[in-house]
Protein backbone atom coordinates (compact mmCIF):
# COMPACT_ATOMS: atom_id res chain seq x y z
CA UNK A 1 0.00 0.00 0.00
CA UNK A 2 1.24 3.47 -0.82
CA UNK A 3 2.10 5.76 2.06
CA UNK A 4 2.13 9.51 1.65
CA UNK A 5 3.92 12.20 3.61
CA UNK A 6 2.81 15.84 3.37
CA UNK A 7 5.77 18.03 2.46
CA UNK A 8 3.99 21.36 2.15
CA UNK A 9 0.51 22.78 2.70
CA UNK A 10 -0.34 25.35 0.03
CA UNK A 11 -1.93 28.66 0.99
CA UNK A 12 -4.50 30.60 -1.05
CA UNK A 13 -3.17 33.14 -3.51
CA UNK A 14 -3.55 36.61 -1.97
CA UNK A 15 -3.96 38.36 -5.33
CA UNK A 16 -6.75 36.01 -6.36
CA UNK A 17 -8.59 36.20 -3.02
CA UNK A 18 -8.50 40.01 -3.26
CA UNK A 19 -10.21 39.78 -6.65
CA UNK A 20 -12.75 37.25 -5.34
CA UNK A 21 -13.98 39.45 -2.47
CA UNK A 22 -16.95 40.46 -4.65
CA UNK A 23 -17.93 36.82 -5.26
CA UNK A 24 -19.26 34.00 -3.11
CA UNK A 25 -16.58 31.33 -3.04
CA UNK A 26 -14.99 28.51 -1.04
CA UNK A 27 -11.33 27.53 -0.93
CA UNK A 28 -9.98 24.00 -0.54
CA UNK A 29 -6.31 24.18 0.32
CA UNK A 30 -3.82 22.21 -1.72
CA UNK A 31 -0.95 19.99 -0.58
CA UNK A 32 2.31 18.66 -1.90
CA UNK A 33 2.87 15.06 -0.84
CA UNK A 34 5.63 12.59 -1.48
CA UNK A 35 5.19 8.85 -1.80
CA UNK A 36 7.35 7.31 0.91
CA UNK A 37 10.32 5.24 -0.33
CA UNK A 38 10.18 6.86 -3.78
CA UNK A 39 11.13 10.20 -5.28
CA UNK A 40 7.61 10.80 -6.64
CA UNK A 41 5.57 13.83 -5.60
CA UNK A 42 1.81 14.28 -5.78
CA UNK A 43 0.39 17.79 -5.99
CA UNK A 44 -3.18 18.48 -4.94
CA UNK A 45 -4.09 21.93 -6.30
CA UNK A 46 -5.70 24.73 -4.30
CA UNK A 47 -9.33 24.83 -5.45
CA UNK A 48 -11.44 28.00 -5.60
CA UNK A 49 -15.16 27.18 -6.05
CA UNK A 50 -17.08 30.28 -7.12
CA UNK A 51 -20.84 29.96 -6.73
CA UNK A 52 -22.17 33.49 -7.33
CA UNK A 53 -22.62 35.37 -9.75
CA UNK A 54 -21.21 32.60 -11.95
CA UNK A 55 -20.27 29.00 -11.31
CA UNK A 56 -16.56 28.41 -11.84
CA UNK A 57 -13.91 26.13 -10.43
CA UNK A 58 -10.39 27.54 -10.53
CA UNK A 59 -7.49 25.23 -9.72
CA UNK A 60 -4.14 26.71 -8.72
CA UNK A 61 -1.07 24.54 -9.14
CA UNK A 62 2.33 25.09 -7.59
CA UNK A 63 4.35 26.57 -10.46
CA UNK A 64 7.79 25.58 -11.58
CA UNK A 65 10.07 27.78 -13.66
CA UNK A 66 8.85 26.31 -16.96
CA UNK A 67 5.15 27.15 -16.68
CA UNK A 68 3.94 30.71 -16.17
CA UNK A 69 0.22 29.86 -16.06
CA UNK A 70 -0.57 28.38 -12.64
CA UNK A 71 -4.38 28.62 -12.87
CA UNK A 72 -6.70 26.19 -14.62
CA UNK A 73 -10.45 26.68 -15.08
CA UNK A 74 -12.28 23.36 -15.33
CA UNK A 75 -15.26 24.71 -17.26
CA UNK A 76 -13.06 26.30 -19.96
CA UNK A 77 -10.40 23.55 -20.08
CA UNK A 78 -7.72 26.24 -20.27
CA UNK A 79 -4.70 27.54 -18.35
CA UNK A 80 -4.44 31.17 -17.24
CA UNK A 81 -2.08 33.54 -15.47
CA UNK A 82 -3.22 36.06 -12.83
CA UNK A 83 -3.74 38.89 -15.37
CA UNK A 84 -5.96 36.74 -17.56
CA UNK A 85 -7.98 35.54 -14.53
CA UNK A 86 -8.49 39.16 -13.45
CA UNK A 87 -9.81 40.15 -16.87
CA UNK A 88 -12.06 37.11 -17.03
CA UNK A 89 -13.58 37.70 -13.58
CA UNK A 90 -14.20 41.42 -14.27
CA UNK A 91 -16.65 40.40 -16.98
CA UNK A 92 -18.92 38.95 -14.30
């Protein structure tokens, strides 16, 4: 059986939570875990569930140097950076 060890608990993005003050939303905190006795890591993203005025689920992944778009919107099947998320949410 696989055993996991939590390496890091991820915190909500302050820039995004400032934008979301006008919305009704819930945050599920993400975690970075390692599988014991291996060098494999499992990342659970921070999840922002917006319920009003629109229904959106934004996932935030811990970014490495290669990717500059840490946000993923399930409904759109697309990656975004913070500027693009800001523009998208202002439309609502």
